[in-house]
Amino acid sequence: MAVEERKPFLLRIPPDLWKELEQWAAAELRSVNGQIEYLLRQAVAKRKRTQSEKG
């Protein structure tokens, strides 16, 4: 089974938001990168549910 390659990209985040993400990620035993990916996946899933309910 082939592992899907991840797309690297640069994301600029204000220091205060970074600090919040670091604390949140640590509380959930994730890296900041992992936390951001988790949050983005949740947002995409929520958007898909909302769109399917509308349409």
N, C-alpha and C. Protein backbone atom coordinates (compact mmCIF):
# COMPACT_ATOMS: atom_id res chain seq x y z
N MET A 1 0.84 -1.17 0.00
CA MET A 1 0.00 0.00 0.00
C MET A 1 0.89 1.24 0.00
N ALA A 2 0.67 2.13 -0.95
CA ALA A 2 1.48 3.34 -1.08
C ALA A 2 0.98 4.41 -0.10
N VAL A 3 1.92 5.10 0.51
CA VAL A 3 1.59 6.18 1.42
C VAL A 3 1.48 7.48 0.62
N GLU A 4 0.39 8.19 0.81
CA GLU A 4 0.19 9.44 0.09
C GLU A 4 1.19 10.48 0.57
N GLU A 5 1.83 11.15 -0.37
CA GLU A 5 2.82 12.16 -0.03
C GLU A 5 2.11 13.42 0.46
N ARG A 6 2.69 14.07 1.44
CA ARG A 6 2.11 15.30 1.97
C ARG A 6 2.67 16.50 1.22
N LYS A 7 1.85 17.50 1.06
CA LYS A 7 2.24 18.72 0.36
C LYS A 7 2.76 19.74 1.37
N PRO A 8 4.04 20.06 1.34
CA PRO A 8 4.56 21.08 2.26
C PRO A 8 4.19 22.48 1.78
N PHE A 9 3.92 23.38 2.73
CA PHE A 9 3.69 24.77 2.36
C PHE A 9 4.02 25.68 3.55
N LEU A 10 4.27 26.92 3.26
CA LEU A 10 4.63 27.90 4.27
C LEU A 10 3.36 28.57 4.79
N LEU A 11 3.24 28.65 6.11
CA LEU A 11 2.09 29.29 6.73
C LEU A 11 2.61 30.30 7.74
N ARG A 12 2.24 31.54 7.57
CA ARG A 12 2.66 32.58 8.51
C ARG A 12 1.56 32.78 9.54
N ILE A 13 1.92 32.65 10.81
CA ILE A 13 0.95 32.74 11.91
C ILE A 13 1.46 33.78 12.91
N PRO A 14 0.59 34.65 13.37
CA PRO A 14 1.01 35.62 14.39
C PRO A 14 1.49 34.89 15.65
N PRO A 15 2.47 35.46 16.35
CA PRO A 15 3.05 34.81 17.52
C PRO A 15 2.02 34.44 18.60
N ASP A 16 1.02 35.29 18.81
CA ASP A 16 0.02 34.97 19.84
C ASP A 16 -0.82 33.76 19.46
N LEU A 17 -1.16 33.64 18.19
CA LEU A 17 -1.91 32.47 17.73
C LEU A 17 -1.04 31.21 17.79
N TRP A 18 0.23 31.34 17.44
CA TRP A 18 1.16 30.21 17.51
C TRP A 18 1.23 29.67 18.94
N LYS A 19 1.33 30.58 19.90
CA LYS A 19 1.42 30.18 21.31
C LYS A 19 0.16 29.42 21.73
N GLU A 20 -1.00 29.91 21.33
CA GLU A 20 -2.26 29.22 21.63
C GLU A 20 -2.29 27.83 21.00
N LEU A 21 -1.85 27.74 19.74
CA LEU A 21 -1.82 26.44 19.06
C LEU A 21 -0.85 25.48 19.73
N GLU A 22 0.30 26.00 20.16
CA GLU A 22 1.28 25.16 20.88
C GLU A 22 0.68 24.58 22.15
N GLN A 23 0.00 25.42 22.91
CA GLN A 23 -0.60 24.96 24.17
C GLN A 23 -1.71 23.95 23.91
N TRP A 24 -2.54 24.22 22.93
CA TRP A 24 -3.64 23.33 22.58
C TRP A 24 -3.10 21.99 22.09
N ALA A 25 -2.11 22.03 21.22
CA ALA A 25 -1.50 20.81 20.70
C ALA A 25 -0.87 19.99 21.82
N ALA A 26 -0.17 20.64 22.73
CA ALA A 26 0.45 19.93 23.85
C ALA A 26 -0.60 19.25 24.72
N ALA A 27 -1.71 19.94 24.95
CA ALA A 27 -2.79 19.38 25.77
C ALA A 27 -3.41 18.14 25.12
N GLU A 28 -3.36 18.07 23.79
CA GLU A 28 -3.94 16.93 23.07
C GLU A 28 -2.87 15.98 22.55
N LEU A 29 -1.64 16.16 23.05
CA LEU A 29 -0.51 15.29 22.70
C LEU A 29 -0.26 15.23 21.19
N ARG A 30 -0.28 16.40 20.56
CA ARG A 30 0.00 16.51 19.13
C ARG A 30 1.10 17.55 18.92
N SER A 31 1.73 17.49 17.76
CA SER A 31 2.61 18.58 17.34
C SER A 31 1.71 19.73 16.87
N VAL A 32 2.28 20.91 16.73
CA VAL A 32 1.50 22.03 16.21
C VAL A 32 1.04 21.71 14.79
N ASN A 33 1.91 21.13 14.00
CA ASN A 33 1.55 20.74 12.64
C ASN A 33 0.38 19.76 12.65
N GLY A 34 0.47 18.76 13.53
CA GLY A 34 -0.61 17.78 13.65
C GLY A 34 -1.91 18.41 14.10
N GLN A 35 -1.82 19.38 15.00
CA GLN A 35 -3.01 20.07 15.49
C GLN A 35 -3.67 20.88 14.38
N ILE A 36 -2.86 21.58 13.61
CA ILE A 36 -3.40 22.37 12.49
C ILE A 36 -4.07 21.45 11.48
N GLU A 37 -3.43 20.33 11.16
CA GLU A 37 -4.02 19.38 10.21
C GLU A 37 -5.34 18.83 10.76
N TYR A 38 -5.37 18.49 12.05
CA TYR A 38 -6.58 17.99 12.68
C TYR A 38 -7.72 19.02 12.58
N LEU A 39 -7.41 20.27 12.89
CA LEU A 39 -8.42 21.33 12.84
C LEU A 39 -8.93 21.56 11.42
N LEU A 40 -8.01 21.53 10.46
CA LEU A 40 -8.42 21.70 9.06
C LEU A 40 -9.31 20.55 8.60
N ARG A 41 -8.97 19.32 8.99
CA ARG A 41 -9.81 18.17 8.61
C ARG A 41 -11.20 18.28 9.23
N GLN A 42 -11.28 18.73 10.48
CA GLN A 42 -12.58 18.93 11.12
C GLN A 42 -13.40 19.99 10.38
N ALA A 43 -12.76 21.08 10.00
CA ALA A 43 -13.44 22.16 9.30
C ALA A 43 -13.96 21.69 7.94
N VAL A 44 -13.16 20.92 7.23
CA VAL A 44 -13.57 20.42 5.92
C VAL A 44 -14.75 19.45 6.07
N ALA A 45 -14.68 18.56 7.05
CA ALA A 45 -15.77 17.60 7.29
C ALA A 45 -17.07 18.34 7.65
N LYS A 46 -16.96 19.37 8.48
CA LYS A 46 -18.13 20.15 8.87
C LYS A 46 -18.73 20.86 7.66
N ARG A 47 -17.87 21.40 6.82
CA ARG A 47 -18.34 22.09 5.61
C ARG A 47 -19.07 21.13 4.68
N LYS A 48 -18.53 19.91 4.54
CA LYS A 48 -19.18 18.92 3.67
C LYS A 48 -20.55 18.54 4.23
N ARG A 49 -20.65 18.38 5.56
CA ARG A 49 -21.95 18.04 6.17
C ARG A 49 -22.95 19.16 5.94
N THR A 50 -22.51 20.40 6.13
CA THR A 50 -23.37 21.55 5.97
C THR A 50 -23.85 21.66 4.53
N GLN A 51 -22.96 21.44 3.59
CA GLN A 51 -23.34 21.51 2.16
C GLN A 51 -24.33 20.42 1.80
N SER A 52 -24.14 19.21 2.32
CA SER A 52 -25.04 18.11 1.99
C SER A 52 -26.42 18.34 2.61
N GLU A 53 -26.49 19.00 3.76
CA GLU A 53 -27.77 19.31 4.39
C GLU A 53 -28.53 20.38 3.60
N LYS A 54 -27.79 21.31 3.00
CA LYS A 54 -28.41 22.38 2.20
C LYS A 54 -28.88 21.86 0.85
N GLY A 55 -28.11 20.96 0.27
CA GLY A 55 -28.38 20.53 -1.10
C GLY A 55 -29.07 19.25 -1.13
